[in-house]
Amino acid sequence: MGLCGAIALAPVALGAVGFTAAGIAVNSIAAGMMAAAATANGGAVAAGSTVALLQSVGAAGLGAAATAAVGSVGAVVGTAATAAVLF
């Protein structure tokens, strides 16, 4: 997959589990995560939590720092996968 694949697929993957530009999709994995986070936090999703971060990215896309982080992980995974196939 590598660098470009990871960056391109991150928003797609978030949308597929329910973190969309329009908000968290009803009856999705994201909705379940949000419900669990709200229950654990007394009825609200905490700012800065995983659910809040994923929804922010789902709504606005990846910023420069997130793009770099996802790209770095994708590059490492792609390199490891290529090495495993070649050797």
PDB file of N, CA and C in Angstrom:
ATOM      1  N   MET A   1       0.848  -1.182   0.000  1.00  0.00           N
ATOM      2  CA  MET A   1       0.000   0.000   0.000  1.00  0.00           C
ATOM      3  C   MET A   1       0.887   1.236   0.000  1.00  0.00           C
ATOM      4  N   GLY A   2       1.782   1.368   0.937  1.00  0.00           N
ATOM      5  CA  GLY A   2       2.744   2.452   0.952  1.00  0.00           C
ATOM      6  C   GLY A   2       2.167   3.800   1.314  1.00  0.00           C
ATOM      7  N   LEU A   3       3.011   4.792   1.134  1.00  0.00           N
ATOM      8  CA  LEU A   3       2.720   6.172   1.517  1.00  0.00           C
ATOM      9  C   LEU A   3       1.453   6.718   0.877  1.00  0.00           C
ATOM     10  N   CYS A   4       1.386   6.699  -0.430  1.00  0.00           N
ATOM     11  CA  CYS A   4       0.228   7.293  -1.128  1.00  0.00           C
ATOM     12  C   CYS A   4      -1.060   6.537  -0.847  1.00  0.00           C
ATOM     13  N   GLY A   5      -0.967   5.225  -0.787  1.00  0.00           N
ATOM     14  CA  GLY A   5      -2.163   4.427  -0.518  1.00  0.00           C
ATOM     15  C   GLY A   5      -2.737   4.709   0.848  1.00  0.00           C
ATOM     16  N   ALA A   6      -1.873   4.823   1.852  1.00  0.00           N
ATOM     17  CA  ALA A   6      -2.344   5.093   3.216  1.00  0.00           C
ATOM     18  C   ALA A   6      -3.026   6.452   3.304  1.00  0.00           C
ATOM     19  N   ILE A   7      -2.431   7.441   2.662  1.00  0.00           N
ATOM     20  CA  ILE A   7      -3.013   8.790   2.695  1.00  0.00           C
ATOM     21  C   ILE A   7      -4.346   8.820   1.959  1.00  0.00           C
ATOM     22  N   ALA A   8      -4.417   8.157   0.820  1.00  0.00           N
ATOM     23  CA  ALA A   8      -5.646   8.164   0.032  1.00  0.00           C
ATOM     24  C   ALA A   8      -6.760   7.376   0.706  1.00  0.00           C
ATOM     25  N   LEU A   9      -6.412   6.279   1.381  1.00  0.00           N
ATOM     26  CA  LEU A   9      -7.437   5.417   1.961  1.00  0.00           C
ATOM     27  C   LEU A   9      -7.913   5.836   3.347  1.00  0.00           C
ATOM     28  N   ALA A  10      -7.173   6.660   4.056  1.00  0.00           N
ATOM     29  CA  ALA A  10      -7.582   7.057   5.407  1.00  0.00           C
ATOM     30  C   ALA A  10      -8.972   7.697   5.430  1.00  0.00           C
ATOM     31  N   PRO A  11      -9.247   8.711   4.609  1.00  0.00           N
ATOM     32  CA  PRO A  11     -10.601   9.292   4.626  1.00  0.00           C
ATOM     33  C   PRO A  11     -11.672   8.294   4.179  1.00  0.00           C
ATOM     34  N   VAL A  12     -11.337   7.428   3.239  1.00  0.00           N
ATOM     35  CA  VAL A  12     -12.287   6.423   2.765  1.00  0.00           C
ATOM     36  C   VAL A  12     -12.626   5.461   3.895  1.00  0.00           C
ATOM     37  N   ALA A  13     -11.602   5.024   4.618  1.00  0.00           N
ATOM     38  CA  ALA A  13     -11.820   4.099   5.731  1.00  0.00           C
ATOM     39  C   ALA A  13     -12.653   4.753   6.826  1.00  0.00           C
ATOM     40  N   LEU A  14     -12.372   6.010   7.133  1.00  0.00           N
ATOM     41  CA  LEU A  14     -13.162   6.707   8.156  1.00  0.00           C
ATOM     42  C   LEU A  14     -14.616   6.834   7.729  1.00  0.00           C
ATOM     43  N   GLY A  15     -14.851   7.166   6.474  1.00  0.00           N
ATOM     44  CA  GLY A  15     -16.223   7.262   5.975  1.00  0.00           C
ATOM     45  C   GLY A  15     -16.932   5.919   6.015  1.00  0.00           C
ATOM     46  N   ALA A  16     -16.192   4.858   5.725  1.00  0.00           N
ATOM     47  CA  ALA A  16     -16.792   3.520   5.703  1.00  0.00           C
ATOM     48  C   ALA A  16     -17.266   3.073   7.079  1.00  0.00           C
ATOM     49  N   VAL A  17     -16.596   3.537   8.133  1.00  0.00           N
ATOM     50  CA  VAL A  17     -17.024   3.146   9.481  1.00  0.00           C
ATOM     51  C   VAL A  17     -17.967   4.173  10.108  1.00  0.00           C
ATOM     52  N   GLY A  18     -18.252   5.275   9.367  1.00  0.00           N
ATOM     53  CA  GLY A  18     -19.280   6.201   9.832  1.00  0.00           C
ATOM     54  C   GLY A  18     -18.838   7.591  10.231  1.00  0.00           C
ATOM     55  N   PHE A  19     -17.552   7.911  10.104  1.00  0.00           N
ATOM     56  CA  PHE A  19     -17.082   9.267  10.400  1.00  0.00           C
ATOM     57  C   PHE A  19     -17.128  10.061   9.099  1.00  0.00           C
ATOM     58  N   THR A  20     -18.222  10.791   8.859  1.00  0.00           N
ATOM     59  CA  THR A  20     -18.439  11.455   7.574  1.00  0.00           C
ATOM     60  C   THR A  20     -18.405  12.969   7.706  1.00  0.00           C
ATOM     61  N   ALA A  21     -18.363  13.637   6.563  1.00  0.00           N
ATOM     62  CA  ALA A  21     -18.383  15.101   6.548  1.00  0.00           C
ATOM     63  C   ALA A  21     -19.690  15.645   7.117  1.00  0.00           C
ATOM     64  N   ALA A  22     -20.765  14.861   7.036  1.00  0.00           N
ATOM     65  CA  ALA A  22     -22.066  15.291   7.544  1.00  0.00           C
ATOM     66  C   ALA A  22     -22.261  14.948   9.018  1.00  0.00           C
ATOM     67  N   GLY A  23     -21.296  14.288   9.613  1.00  0.00           N
ATOM     68  CA  GLY A  23     -21.405  13.871  11.015  1.00  0.00           C
ATOM     69  C   GLY A  23     -21.310  12.362  11.129  1.00  0.00           C
ATOM     70  N   ILE A  24     -21.528  11.855  12.309  1.00  0.00           N
ATOM     71  CA  ILE A  24     -21.454  10.416  12.534  1.00  0.00           C
ATOM     72  C   ILE A  24     -22.714   9.760  11.977  1.00  0.00           C
ATOM     73  N   ALA A  25     -22.510   8.751  11.130  1.00  0.00           N
ATOM     74  CA  ALA A  25     -23.623   8.065  10.467  1.00  0.00           C
ATOM     75  C   ALA A  25     -24.403   7.196  11.460  1.00  0.00           C
ATOM     76  N   VAL A  26     -25.696   7.211  11.327  1.00  0.00           N
ATOM     77  CA  VAL A  26     -26.593   6.431  12.178  1.00  0.00           C
ATOM     78  C   VAL A  26     -26.314   4.937  12.001  1.00  0.00           C
ATOM     79  N   ASN A  27     -26.364   4.194  13.102  1.00  0.00           N
ATOM     80  CA  ASN A  27     -26.183   2.738  13.102  1.00  0.00           C
ATOM     81  C   ASN A  27     -24.840   2.282  12.535  1.00  0.00           C
ATOM     82  N   SER A  28     -23.806   3.097  12.656  1.00  0.00           N
ATOM     83  CA  SER A  28     -22.486   2.744  12.145  1.00  0.00           C
ATOM     84  C   SER A  28     -21.564   2.345  13.301  1.00  0.00           C
ATOM     85  N   ILE A  29     -20.394   1.872  12.944  1.00  0.00           N
ATOM     86  CA  ILE A  29     -19.374   1.583  13.957  1.00  0.00           C
ATOM     87  C   ILE A  29     -19.041   2.863  14.719  1.00  0.00           C
ATOM     88  N   ALA A  30     -18.966   3.978  14.001  1.00  0.00           N
ATOM     89  CA  ALA A  30     -18.670   5.263  14.637  1.00  0.00           C
ATOM     90  C   ALA A  30     -19.744   5.631  15.658  1.00  0.00           C
ATOM     91  N   ALA A  31     -21.000   5.349  15.335  1.00  0.00           N
ATOM     92  CA  ALA A  31     -22.089   5.642  16.270  1.00  0.00           C
ATOM     93  C   ALA A  31     -21.947   4.810  17.541  1.00  0.00           C
ATOM     94  N   GLY A  32     -21.566   3.565  17.387  1.00  0.00           N
ATOM     95  CA  GLY A  32     -21.330   2.715  18.554  1.00  0.00           C
ATOM     96  C   GLY A  32     -20.173   3.217  19.395  1.00  0.00           C
ATOM     97  N   MET A  33     -19.110   3.649  18.714  1.00  0.00           N
ATOM     98  CA  MET A  33     -17.956   4.202  19.435  1.00  0.00           C
ATOM     99  C   MET A  33     -18.347   5.471  20.182  1.00  0.00           C
ATOM    100  N   MET A  34     -19.143   6.316  19.528  1.00  0.00           N
ATOM    101  CA  MET A  34     -19.578   7.556  20.161  1.00  0.00           C
ATOM    102  C   MET A  34     -20.449   7.269  21.380  1.00  0.00           C
ATOM    103  N   ALA A  35     -21.356   6.322  21.250  1.00  0.00           N
ATOM    104  CA  ALA A  35     -22.227   5.973  22.374  1.00  0.00           C
ATOM    105  C   ALA A  35     -21.410   5.446  23.549  1.00  0.00           C
ATOM    106  N   ALA A  36     -20.439   4.596  23.269  1.00  0.00           N
ATOM    107  CA  ALA A  36     -19.595   4.048  24.335  1.00  0.00           C
ATOM    108  C   ALA A  36     -18.762   5.148  24.998  1.00  0.00           C
ATOM    109  N   ALA A  37     -18.218   6.047  24.178  1.00  0.00           N
ATOM    110  CA  ALA A  37     -17.414   7.142  24.731  1.00  0.00           C
ATOM    111  C   ALA A  37     -18.264   8.076  25.578  1.00  0.00           C
ATOM    112  N   ALA A  38     -19.468   8.365  25.126  1.00  0.00           N
ATOM    113  CA  ALA A  38     -20.359   9.243  25.888  1.00  0.00           C
ATOM    114  C   ALA A  38     -20.778   8.592  27.200  1.00  0.00           C
ATOM    115  N   THR A  39     -21.072   7.314  27.167  1.00  0.00           N
ATOM    116  CA  THR A  39     -21.459   6.592  28.381  1.00  0.00           C
ATOM    117  C   THR A  39     -20.314   6.601  29.389  1.00  0.00           C
ATOM    118  N   ALA A  40     -19.110   6.372  28.907  1.00  0.00           N
ATOM    119  CA  ALA A  40     -17.937   6.337  29.792  1.00  0.00           C
ATOM    120  C   ALA A  40     -17.602   7.712  30.357  1.00  0.00           C
ATOM    121  N   ASN A  41     -18.056   8.758  29.685  1.00  0.00           N
ATOM    122  CA  ASN A  41     -17.708  10.120  30.100  1.00  0.00           C
ATOM    123  C   ASN A  41     -18.902  10.869  30.685  1.00  0.00           C
ATOM    124  N   GLY A  42     -19.899  10.160  31.157  1.00  0.00           N
ATOM    125  CA  GLY A  42     -21.026  10.818  31.802  1.00  0.00           C
ATOM    126  C   GLY A  42     -21.998  11.491  30.859  1.00  0.00           C
ATOM    127  N   GLY A  43     -22.066  11.065  29.606  1.00  0.00           N
ATOM    128  CA  GLY A  43     -23.058  11.595  28.681  1.00  0.00           C
ATOM    129  C   GLY A  43     -22.525  12.474  27.570  1.00  0.00           C
ATOM    130  N   ALA A  44     -21.248  12.785  27.595  1.00  0.00           N
ATOM    131  CA  ALA A  44     -20.673  13.630  26.545  1.00  0.00           C
ATOM    132  C   ALA A  44     -19.395  12.992  26.018  1.00  0.00           C
ATOM    133  N   VAL A  45     -19.077  13.271  24.790  1.00  0.00           N
ATOM    134  CA  VAL A  45     -17.815  12.806  24.217  1.00  0.00           C
ATOM    135  C   VAL A  45     -16.753  13.837  24.570  1.00  0.00           C
ATOM    136  N   ALA A  46     -15.699  13.381  25.205  1.00  0.00           N
ATOM    137  CA  ALA A  46     -14.647  14.292  25.661  1.00  0.00           C
ATOM    138  C   ALA A  46     -13.887  14.887  24.478  1.00  0.00           C
ATOM    139  N   ALA A  47     -13.625  16.176  24.557  1.00  0.00           N
ATOM    140  CA  ALA A  47     -12.797  16.834  23.546  1.00  0.00           C
ATOM    141  C   ALA A  47     -11.419  16.191  23.561  1.00  0.00           C
ATOM    142  N   GLY A  48     -10.876  15.940  22.391  1.00  0.00           N
ATOM    143  CA  GLY A  48      -9.554  15.334  22.295  1.00  0.00           C
ATOM    144  C   GLY A  48      -9.553  13.817  22.367  1.00  0.00           C
ATOM    145  N   SER A  49     -10.735  13.215  22.565  1.00  0.00           N
ATOM    146  CA  SER A  49     -10.813  11.754  22.629  1.00  0.00           C
ATOM    147  C   SER A  49     -10.639  11.172  21.231  1.00  0.00           C
ATOM    148  N   THR A  50     -10.459   9.867  21.167  1.00  0.00           N
ATOM    149  CA  THR A  50     -10.310   9.195  19.877  1.00  0.00           C
ATOM    150  C   THR A  50     -11.518   9.450  18.983  1.00  0.00           C
ATOM    151  N   VAL A  51     -12.713   9.336  19.540  1.00  0.00           N
ATOM    152  CA  VAL A  51     -13.928   9.556  18.750  1.00  0.00           C
ATOM    153  C   VAL A  51     -13.975  10.992  18.239  1.00  0.00           C
ATOM    154  N   ALA A  52     -13.655  11.948  19.084  1.00  0.00           N
ATOM    155  CA  ALA A  52     -13.661  13.353  18.671  1.00  0.00           C
ATOM    156  C   ALA A  52     -12.633  13.603  17.571  1.00  0.00           C
ATOM    157  N   LEU A  53     -11.451  13.026  17.715  1.00  0.00           N
ATOM    158  CA  LEU A  53     -10.404  13.192  16.707  1.00  0.00           C
ATOM    159  C   LEU A  53     -10.808  12.576  15.368  1.00  0.00           C
ATOM    160  N   LEU A  54     -11.334  11.334  15.422  1.00  0.00           N
ATOM    161  CA  LEU A  54     -11.742  10.673  14.183  1.00  0.00           C
ATOM    162  C   LEU A  54     -12.873  11.423  13.487  1.00  0.00           C
ATOM    163  N   GLN A  55     -13.824  11.962  14.256  1.00  0.00           N
ATOM    164  CA  GLN A  55     -14.914  12.721  13.637  1.00  0.00           C
ATOM    165  C   GLN A  55     -14.390  14.009  13.033  1.00  0.00           C
ATOM    166  N   SER A  56     -13.441  14.633  13.691  1.00  0.00           N
ATOM    167  CA  SER A  56     -12.848  15.849  13.156  1.00  0.00           C
ATOM    168  C   SER A  56     -12.183  15.575  11.811  1.00  0.00           C
ATOM    169  N   VAL A  57     -11.427  14.495  11.735  1.00  0.00           N
ATOM    170  CA  VAL A  57     -10.774  14.126  10.481  1.00  0.00           C
ATOM    171  C   VAL A  57     -11.812  13.720   9.441  1.00  0.00           C
ATOM    172  N   GLY A  58     -12.837  12.979   9.856  1.00  0.00           N
ATOM    173  CA  GLY A  58     -13.895  12.578   8.930  1.00  0.00           C
ATOM    174  C   GLY A  58     -14.619  13.773   8.346  1.00  0.00           C
ATOM    175  N   ALA A  59     -14.798  14.812   9.149  1.00  0.00           N
ATOM    176  CA  ALA A  59     -15.524  16.000   8.702  1.00  0.00           C
ATOM    177  C   ALA A  59     -14.669  16.930   7.845  1.00  0.00           C
ATOM    178  N   ALA A  60     -13.409  17.092   8.220  1.00  0.00           N
ATOM    179  CA  ALA A  60     -12.578  18.098   7.565  1.00  0.00           C
ATOM    180  C   ALA A  60     -11.462  17.526   6.706  1.00  0.00           C
ATOM    181  N   GLY A  61     -11.238  16.225   6.779  1.00  0.00           N
ATOM    182  CA  GLY A  61     -10.108  15.644   6.059  1.00  0.00           C
ATOM    183  C   GLY A  61      -8.852  15.698   6.910  1.00  0.00           C
ATOM    184  N   LEU A  62      -7.782  15.202   6.370  1.00  0.00           N
ATOM    185  CA  LEU A  62      -6.524  15.158   7.110  1.00  0.00           C
ATOM    186  C   LEU A  62      -5.774  16.474   6.971  1.00  0.00           C
ATOM    187  N   GLY A  63      -5.313  17.004   8.100  1.00  0.00           N
ATOM    188  CA  GLY A  63      -4.448  18.175   8.080  1.00  0.00           C
ATOM    189  C   GLY A  63      -3.027  17.757   7.735  1.00  0.00           C
ATOM    190  N   ALA A  64      -2.128  18.696   7.710  1.00  0.00           N
ATOM    191  CA  ALA A  64      -0.745  18.410   7.329  1.00  0.00           C
ATOM    192  C   ALA A  64      -0.081  17.415   8.269  1.00  0.00           C
ATOM    193  N   ALA A  65      -0.254  17.595   9.574  1.00  0.00           N
ATOM    194  CA  ALA A  65       0.384  16.695  10.539  1.00  0.00           C
ATOM    195  C   ALA A  65      -0.184  15.290  10.443  1.00  0.00           C
ATOM    196  N   ALA A  66      -1.500  15.187  10.315  1.00  0.00           N
ATOM    197  CA  ALA A  66      -2.134  13.871  10.207  1.00  0.00           C
ATOM    198  C   ALA A  66      -1.747  13.190   8.902  1.00  0.00           C
ATOM    199  N   THR A  67      -1.656  13.951   7.830  1.00  0.00           N
ATOM    200  CA  THR A  67      -1.238  13.387   6.553  1.00  0.00           C
ATOM    201  C   THR A  67       0.171  12.832   6.667  1.00  0.00           C
ATOM    202  N   ALA A  68       1.043  13.564   7.335  1.00  0.00           N
ATOM    203  CA  ALA A  68       2.420  13.098   7.522  1.00  0.00           C
ATOM    204  C   ALA A  68       2.456  11.828   8.360  1.00  0.00           C
ATOM    205  N   ALA A  69       1.658  11.790   9.422  1.00  0.00           N
ATOM    206  CA  ALA A  69       1.645  10.606  10.293  1.00  0.00           C
ATOM    207  C   ALA A  69       1.108   9.387   9.566  1.00  0.00           C
ATOM    208  N   VAL A  70      -0.006   9.548   8.871  1.00  0.00           N
ATOM    209  CA  VAL A  70      -0.590   8.427   8.124  1.00  0.00           C
ATOM    210  C   VAL A  70       0.361   7.987   7.027  1.00  0.00           C
ATOM    211  N   GLY A  71       0.979   8.932   6.360  1.00  0.00           N
ATOM    212  CA  GLY A  71       1.933   8.605   5.305  1.00  0.00           C
ATOM    213  C   GLY A  71       3.136   7.860   5.827  1.00  0.00           C
ATOM    214  N   SER A  72       3.625   8.258   6.991  1.00  0.00           N
ATOM    215  CA  SER A  72       4.778   7.582   7.591  1.00  0.00           C
ATOM    216  C   SER A  72       4.446   6.141   7.934  1.00  0.00           C
ATOM    217  N   VAL A  73       3.299   5.922   8.542  1.00  0.00           N
ATOM    218  CA  VAL A  73       2.882   4.559   8.883  1.00  0.00           C
ATOM    219  C   VAL A  73       2.682   3.749   7.610  1.00  0.00           C
ATOM    220  N   GLY A  74       2.050   4.332   6.615  1.00  0.00           N
ATOM    221  CA  GLY A  74       1.839   3.636   5.350  1.00  0.00           C
ATOM    222  C   GLY A  74       3.139   3.280   4.664  1.00  0.00           C
ATOM    223  N   ALA A  75       4.112   4.172   4.740  1.00  0.00           N
ATOM    224  CA  ALA A  75       5.407   3.899   4.124  1.00  0.00           C
ATOM    225  C   ALA A  75       6.107   2.740   4.815  1.00  0.00           C
ATOM    226  N   VAL A  76       6.043   2.707   6.133  1.00  0.00           N
ATOM    227  CA  VAL A  76       6.669   1.620   6.891  1.00  0.00           C
ATOM    228  C   VAL A  76       5.984   0.292   6.580  1.00  0.00           C
ATOM    229  N   VAL A  77       4.656   0.291   6.590  1.00  0.00           N
ATOM    230  CA  VAL A  77       3.908  -0.936   6.295  1.00  0.00           C
ATOM    231  C   VAL A  77       4.170  -1.390   4.868  1.00  0.00           C
ATOM    232  N   GLY A  78       4.166  -0.472   3.930  1.00  0.00           N
ATOM    233  CA  GLY A  78       4.436  -0.817   2.540  1.00  0.00           C
ATOM    234  C   GLY A  78       5.823  -1.380   2.342  1.00  0.00           C
ATOM    235  N   THR A  79       6.810  -0.787   2.999  1.00  0.00           N
ATOM    236  CA  THR A  79       8.184  -1.269   2.913  1.00  0.00           C
ATOM    237  C   THR A  79       8.298  -2.670   3.508  1.00  0.00           C
ATOM    238  N   ALA A  80       7.688  -2.873   4.665  1.00  0.00           N
ATOM    239  CA  ALA A  80       7.737  -4.195   5.319  1.00  0.00           C
ATOM    240  C   ALA A  80       7.048  -5.249   4.466  1.00  0.00           C
ATOM    241  N   ALA A  81       5.915  -4.903   3.888  1.00  0.00           N
ATOM    242  CA  ALA A  81       5.194  -5.857   3.042  1.00  0.00           C
ATOM    243  C   ALA A  81       5.993  -6.210   1.800  1.00  0.00           C
ATOM    244  N   THR A  82       6.628  -5.214   1.206  1.00  0.00           N
ATOM    245  CA  THR A  82       7.454  -5.464   0.032  1.00  0.00           C
ATOM    246  C   THR A  82       8.641  -6.345   0.376  1.00  0.00           C
ATOM    247  N   ALA A  83       9.294  -6.071   1.505  1.00  0.00           N
ATOM    248  CA  ALA A  83      10.437  -6.872   1.937  1.00  0.00           C
ATOM    249  C   ALA A  83      10.024  -8.314   2.200  1.00  0.00           C
ATOM    250  N   ALA A  84       8.853  -8.496   2.781  1.00  0.00           N
ATOM    251  CA  ALA A  84       8.373  -9.858   3.079  1.00  0.00           C
ATOM    252  C   ALA A  84       8.111 -10.638   1.799  1.00  0.00           C
ATOM    253  N   VAL A  85       7.636  -9.962   0.776  1.00  0.00           N
ATOM    254  CA  VAL A  85       7.348 -10.635  -0.495  1.00  0.00           C
ATOM    255  C   VAL A  85       8.632 -10.938  -1.260  1.00  0.00           C
ATOM    256  N   LEU A  86       9.572 -10.020  -1.221  1.00  0.00           N
ATOM    257  CA  LEU A  86      10.796 -10.170  -1.996  1.00  0.00           C
ATOM    258  C   LEU A  86      11.817 -11.114  -1.363  1.00  0.00           C
ATOM    259  N   PHE A  87      11.783 -11.248  -0.064  1.00  0.00           N
ATOM    260  CA  PHE A  87      12.802 -12.056   0.601  1.00  0.00           C
ATOM    261  C   PHE A  87      12.160 -13.194   1.257  1.00  0.00           C
TER     262      PHE A  87
END
